[in-house]
Amino acid sequence: MSVENKHPCFIFVNPQMGENIGASARGMWNFGLERMRIVAPRDGWPNQKAVAMASGAGRLLDEALIFPTFTDAIADQHFIFATTARPRDLLKPIYSPEEAMKLAFSKISRGQNVGFAFGPERSGLENLDIVKANAIVSVPVNAKFPSLNLAQCALLLAYEWMLKSSNLNNDKQILEQSSMVDVMKVEKLSQYFEDALEKADFFYPEDKAESMKINFRNMWSRMPLTNSDVQIFYGMLRQLLRANKKS
């Protein structure tokens, strides 16, 4: 297993306050996580407030990968968890932090890249970002006060990772390599189908087209596809298009 795959990465999407980024870095490093990705931080990068708050975890900020969009940040990932307080009417598998980390450990042990996405402090992840995730992590909190600080959420998940990885590492089992595809391959496959369906006037009526496309993309993100699966889907559609031209 490569070093890159030993731990999940934490992806902070449009974070608003440097202090929260720094505190998140501390929480991650407390429990042995160091792969941080940041998408279009509001106040730019580097951020001195983040550095000050990170204290001894400043190395995570120095090595953090910065991306312009969420799609760019998850392109090489095989499975993405979206952290959100509610599913927002999107049909996705929902896991508790404990369950999510158990699944993450299993996937990472098979050679997959796994990421956890965190939205901006004020509004959380947008539906257009959540739709690109494979599953949702929902923290069971007090219904009268459900708001979690960004760094608190990161700390909680990092703690669950430490518990799970510490327990399961003791098994010392030989782990098989996986052939699961990354997010970018699924995105391209989805776009290939969407373009063909667009030409066939599938997305009708026009006023419902956008919501239909979102549900269509959401469907792809829920499927655990292998490289072989992707090739079969491409072949299926190409053959259908050829047959349609002949008829």
Protein backbone atom coordinates (compact mmCIF):
# COMPACT_ATOMS: atom_id res chain seq x y z
CA MET A 1 0.00 0.00 0.00
CA SER A 2 1.37 3.42 -0.89
CA VAL A 3 1.95 6.13 1.70
CA GLU A 4 -0.68 8.24 -0.07
CA ASN A 5 -3.37 5.67 0.65
CA LYS A 6 -2.72 5.02 4.34
CA HIS A 7 -5.02 7.77 5.59
CA PRO A 8 -8.09 9.67 4.40
CA CYS A 9 -7.73 13.26 3.25
CA PHE A 10 -9.83 16.08 4.72
CA ILE A 11 -11.14 18.54 2.13
CA PHE A 12 -12.21 21.99 3.32
CA VAL A 13 -14.46 23.63 0.76
CA ASN A 14 -14.51 27.46 0.69
CA PRO A 15 -13.50 27.87 4.36
CA GLN A 16 -14.17 31.39 5.62
CA MET A 17 -11.92 31.85 8.65
CA GLY A 18 -8.21 31.16 8.88
CA GLU A 19 -8.59 30.35 12.57
CA ASN A 20 -10.89 27.45 11.74
CA ILE A 21 -8.47 26.08 9.17
CA GLY A 22 -5.64 26.23 11.71
CA ALA A 23 -7.74 24.63 14.45
CA SER A 24 -8.78 21.88 12.02
CA ALA A 25 -5.11 21.19 11.26
CA ARG A 26 -4.43 20.81 14.98
CA GLY A 27 -7.35 18.40 15.37
CA MET A 28 -6.19 16.33 12.42
CA TRP A 29 -2.61 16.11 13.63
CA ASN A 30 -3.73 15.21 17.17
CA PHE A 31 -4.97 11.93 15.73
CA GLY A 32 -2.34 11.28 13.08
CA LEU A 33 -4.01 12.71 9.97
CA GLU A 34 -1.99 15.03 7.76
CA ARG A 35 -3.54 15.06 4.28
CA MET A 36 -5.32 18.43 4.05
CA ARG A 37 -6.89 19.91 0.92
CA ILE A 38 -8.38 23.39 0.73
CA VAL A 39 -10.77 24.63 -1.95
CA ALA A 40 -10.83 28.37 -2.72
CA PRO A 41 -10.42 29.76 0.83
CA ARG A 42 -12.32 33.03 1.22
CA ASP A 43 -9.36 35.05 2.53
CA GLY A 44 -6.76 33.62 0.19
CA TRP A 45 -3.71 31.48 0.90
CA PRO A 46 -1.38 31.38 2.78
CA ASN A 47 -3.28 32.69 5.80
CA GLN A 48 -1.38 33.96 8.84
CA LYS A 49 -4.36 33.49 11.17
CA ALA A 50 -4.45 29.83 10.20
CA VAL A 51 -0.72 29.51 10.88
CA ALA A 52 -1.05 31.11 14.31
CA MET A 53 -3.93 28.85 15.32
CA ALA A 54 -2.30 25.69 13.97
CA SER A 55 0.62 26.03 16.39
CA GLY A 56 2.59 22.75 16.24
CA ALA A 57 0.52 21.48 13.31
CA GLY A 58 1.77 24.17 10.92
CA ARG A 59 3.39 21.53 8.72
CA LEU A 60 -0.08 20.43 7.59
CA LEU A 61 -0.76 23.94 6.32
CA ASP A 62 2.60 24.11 4.56
CA GLU A 63 1.86 20.84 2.76
CA ALA A 64 -1.86 21.46 2.17
CA LEU A 65 -2.98 21.17 -1.44
CA ILE A 66 -4.96 24.16 -2.71
CA PHE A 67 -7.59 23.73 -5.43
CA PRO A 68 -9.83 26.18 -7.31
CA THR A 69 -12.89 23.90 -7.29
CA PHE A 70 -14.29 20.95 -5.37
CA THR A 71 -14.25 18.84 -8.54
CA ASP A 72 -10.50 19.43 -8.88
CA ALA A 73 -9.93 18.55 -5.23
CA ILE A 74 -11.61 15.14 -5.47
CA ALA A 75 -10.50 14.13 -8.97
CA ASP A 76 -8.10 11.41 -7.73
CA GLN A 77 -10.35 10.12 -4.95
CA HIS A 78 -12.28 6.84 -5.18
CA PHE A 79 -14.82 7.54 -2.45
CA ILE A 80 -16.01 10.82 -0.93
CA PHE A 81 -17.94 11.38 2.28
CA ALA A 82 -19.80 14.70 2.57
CA THR A 83 -20.20 16.02 6.10
CA THR A 84 -23.59 17.66 6.45
CA ALA A 85 -26.28 18.00 9.08
CA ARG A 86 -29.02 16.86 6.69
CA PRO A 87 -29.29 14.98 3.37
CA ARG A 88 -31.06 17.93 1.66
CA ASP A 89 -33.42 15.69 -0.33
CA LEU A 90 -30.59 13.84 -2.07
CA LEU A 91 -30.76 10.07 -1.84
CA LYS A 92 -27.40 9.04 -0.39
CA PRO A 93 -26.20 6.42 2.09
CA ILE A 94 -25.92 8.10 5.51
CA TYR A 95 -23.31 7.02 8.05
CA SER A 96 -22.45 7.99 11.58
CA PRO A 97 -18.81 9.05 12.13
CA GLU A 98 -18.01 5.62 13.55
CA GLU A 99 -19.61 3.78 10.62
CA ALA A 100 -18.00 6.12 8.09
CA MET A 101 -14.52 5.52 9.45
CA LYS A 102 -15.04 1.76 9.48
CA LEU A 103 -15.96 1.91 5.79
CA ALA A 104 -13.12 4.34 5.05
CA PHE A 105 -10.58 2.03 6.69
CA SER A 106 -11.88 -0.91 4.66
CA LYS A 107 -11.59 1.00 1.38
CA ILE A 108 -8.18 2.48 2.17
CA SER A 109 -6.93 -0.99 3.13
CA ARG A 110 -7.82 -2.12 -0.39
CA GLY A 111 -5.78 0.68 -1.95
CA GLN A 112 -8.48 3.28 -2.52
CA ASN A 113 -8.24 7.03 -1.88
CA VAL A 114 -10.94 8.25 0.52
CA GLY A 115 -11.80 11.88 1.30
CA PHE A 116 -14.04 13.68 3.77
CA ALA A 117 -15.47 17.00 2.57
CA PHE A 118 -16.36 19.87 4.91
CA GLY A 119 -18.38 22.88 3.77
CA PRO A 120 -17.97 26.57 4.63
CA GLU A 121 -18.77 27.57 8.20
CA ARG A 122 -21.89 29.61 7.50
CA SER A 123 -23.83 27.42 5.08
CA GLY A 124 -22.15 24.03 4.80
CA LEU A 125 -21.73 22.12 1.55
CA GLU A 126 -23.94 23.09 -1.39
CA ASN A 127 -26.14 20.49 -3.09
CA LEU A 128 -23.98 20.73 -6.22
CA ASP A 129 -21.02 19.58 -4.10
CA ILE A 130 -22.92 16.97 -2.10
CA VAL A 131 -24.16 15.36 -5.32
CA LYS A 132 -20.54 14.51 -6.19
CA ALA A 133 -20.05 12.61 -2.93
CA ASN A 134 -20.70 8.90 -2.55
CA ALA A 135 -22.13 9.07 0.95
CA ILE A 136 -23.01 11.42 3.79
CA VAL A 137 -21.61 11.60 7.31
CA SER A 138 -24.15 12.95 9.78
CA VAL A 139 -23.15 13.58 13.38
CA PRO A 140 -25.89 12.82 15.95
CA VAL A 141 -26.09 16.10 17.88
CA ASN A 142 -28.55 17.94 20.10
CA ALA A 143 -31.57 18.81 17.93
CA LYS A 144 -31.94 22.10 19.83
CA PHE A 145 -28.36 23.11 18.96
CA PRO A 146 -27.18 21.12 15.92
CA SER A 147 -24.45 23.50 14.72
CA LEU A 148 -20.90 22.12 14.82
CA ASN A 149 -17.84 24.31 14.40
CA LEU A 150 -15.70 23.30 11.40
CA ALA A 151 -12.72 22.38 13.55
CA GLN A 152 -14.91 20.43 15.99
CA CYS A 153 -16.27 18.32 13.16
CA ALA A 154 -12.79 17.66 11.81
CA LEU A 155 -11.55 16.73 15.30
CA LEU A 156 -14.45 14.35 15.86
CA LEU A 157 -13.86 12.49 12.61
CA ALA A 158 -10.09 12.40 13.12
CA TYR A 159 -10.68 10.87 16.57
CA GLU A 160 -12.94 8.18 15.07
CA TRP A 161 -10.25 7.41 12.50
CA MET A 162 -7.66 6.92 15.23
CA LEU A 163 -9.98 4.57 17.13
CA LYS A 164 -10.82 2.51 14.07
CA SER A 165 -7.35 2.30 12.56
CA SER A 166 -5.76 1.44 15.91
CA ASN A 167 -8.20 -1.42 16.46
CA LEU A 168 -8.13 -2.85 12.96
CA ASN A 169 -4.39 -2.51 12.38
CA ASN A 170 -3.90 -5.23 14.98
CA ASP A 171 -5.36 -7.80 12.57
CA LYS A 172 -2.17 -7.67 10.44
CA GLN A 173 -4.03 -9.19 7.49
CA ILE A 174 -2.75 -9.18 3.89
CA LEU A 175 -4.83 -6.66 2.00
CA GLU A 176 -5.77 -6.99 -1.64
CA GLN A 177 -5.42 -4.15 -4.13
CA SER A 178 -8.57 -2.61 -5.55
CA SER A 179 -9.56 -1.74 -9.07
CA MET A 180 -12.10 0.91 -8.06
CA VAL A 181 -12.14 3.97 -10.29
CA ASP A 182 -11.49 7.51 -9.10
CA VAL A 183 -14.02 10.33 -9.09
CA MET A 184 -12.78 11.90 -12.33
CA LYS A 185 -13.40 8.71 -14.32
CA VAL A 186 -16.93 8.51 -12.94
CA GLU A 187 -17.43 12.20 -13.75
CA LYS A 188 -16.35 11.66 -17.37
CA LEU A 189 -18.58 8.61 -17.72
CA SER A 190 -21.53 10.52 -16.31
CA GLN A 191 -20.87 13.40 -18.71
CA TYR A 192 -20.61 10.99 -21.65
CA PHE A 193 -24.05 9.58 -20.87
CA GLU A 194 -25.51 13.00 -20.12
CA ASP A 195 -24.35 14.39 -23.48
CA ALA A 196 -25.93 11.45 -25.32
CA LEU A 197 -29.18 11.81 -23.40
CA GLU A 198 -29.19 15.55 -24.08
CA LYS A 199 -29.05 14.89 -27.83
CA ALA A 200 -31.90 12.39 -27.43
CA ASP A 201 -34.06 15.03 -25.67
CA PHE A 202 -34.18 12.91 -22.52
CA PHE A 203 -34.09 15.91 -20.15
CA TYR A 204 -37.63 17.13 -20.75
CA PRO A 205 -39.52 19.30 -19.95
CA GLU A 206 -37.01 22.15 -19.97
CA ASP A 207 -38.01 23.58 -16.58
CA LYS A 208 -37.17 20.23 -14.93
CA ALA A 209 -34.00 19.52 -16.90
CA GLU A 210 -31.53 20.86 -14.31
CA SER A 211 -33.02 18.89 -11.42
CA MET A 212 -33.10 15.77 -13.61
CA LYS A 213 -29.39 16.21 -14.37
CA ILE A 214 -28.54 16.62 -10.69
CA ASN A 215 -30.41 13.41 -9.83
CA PHE A 216 -28.69 11.67 -12.76
CA ARG A 217 -25.22 12.68 -11.51
CA ASN A 218 -26.18 11.71 -7.98
CA MET A 219 -27.05 8.22 -9.22
CA TRP A 220 -23.55 7.71 -10.64
CA SER A 221 -21.84 8.84 -7.43
CA ARG A 222 -23.76 6.22 -5.43
CA MET A 223 -22.43 3.31 -7.50
CA PRO A 224 -19.12 1.68 -6.50
CA LEU A 225 -17.71 1.28 -9.99
CA THR A 226 -14.61 -0.66 -11.02
CA ASN A 227 -12.50 0.00 -14.11
CA SER A 228 -14.20 -2.96 -15.76
CA ASP A 229 -17.65 -1.54 -14.96
CA VAL A 230 -16.75 1.79 -16.56
CA GLN A 231 -15.57 0.11 -19.76
CA ILE A 232 -18.78 -1.93 -19.93
CA PHE A 233 -20.92 1.21 -19.57
CA TYR A 234 -18.96 2.98 -22.32
CA GLY A 235 -19.30 -0.05 -24.58
CA MET A 236 -23.04 -0.36 -23.90
CA LEU A 237 -23.75 3.24 -24.84
CA ARG A 238 -21.50 3.19 -27.93
CA GLN A 239 -23.28 0.06 -29.17
CA LEU A 240 -26.71 1.59 -28.56
CA LEU A 241 -25.71 4.73 -30.46
CA ARG A 242 -24.40 2.65 -33.39
CA ALA A 243 -27.60 0.60 -33.49
CA ASN A 244 -29.68 3.76 -33.41
CA LYS A 245 -27.81 5.18 -36.43
CA LYS A 246 -28.44 2.00 -38.44
CA SER A 247 -32.17 1.96 -37.72
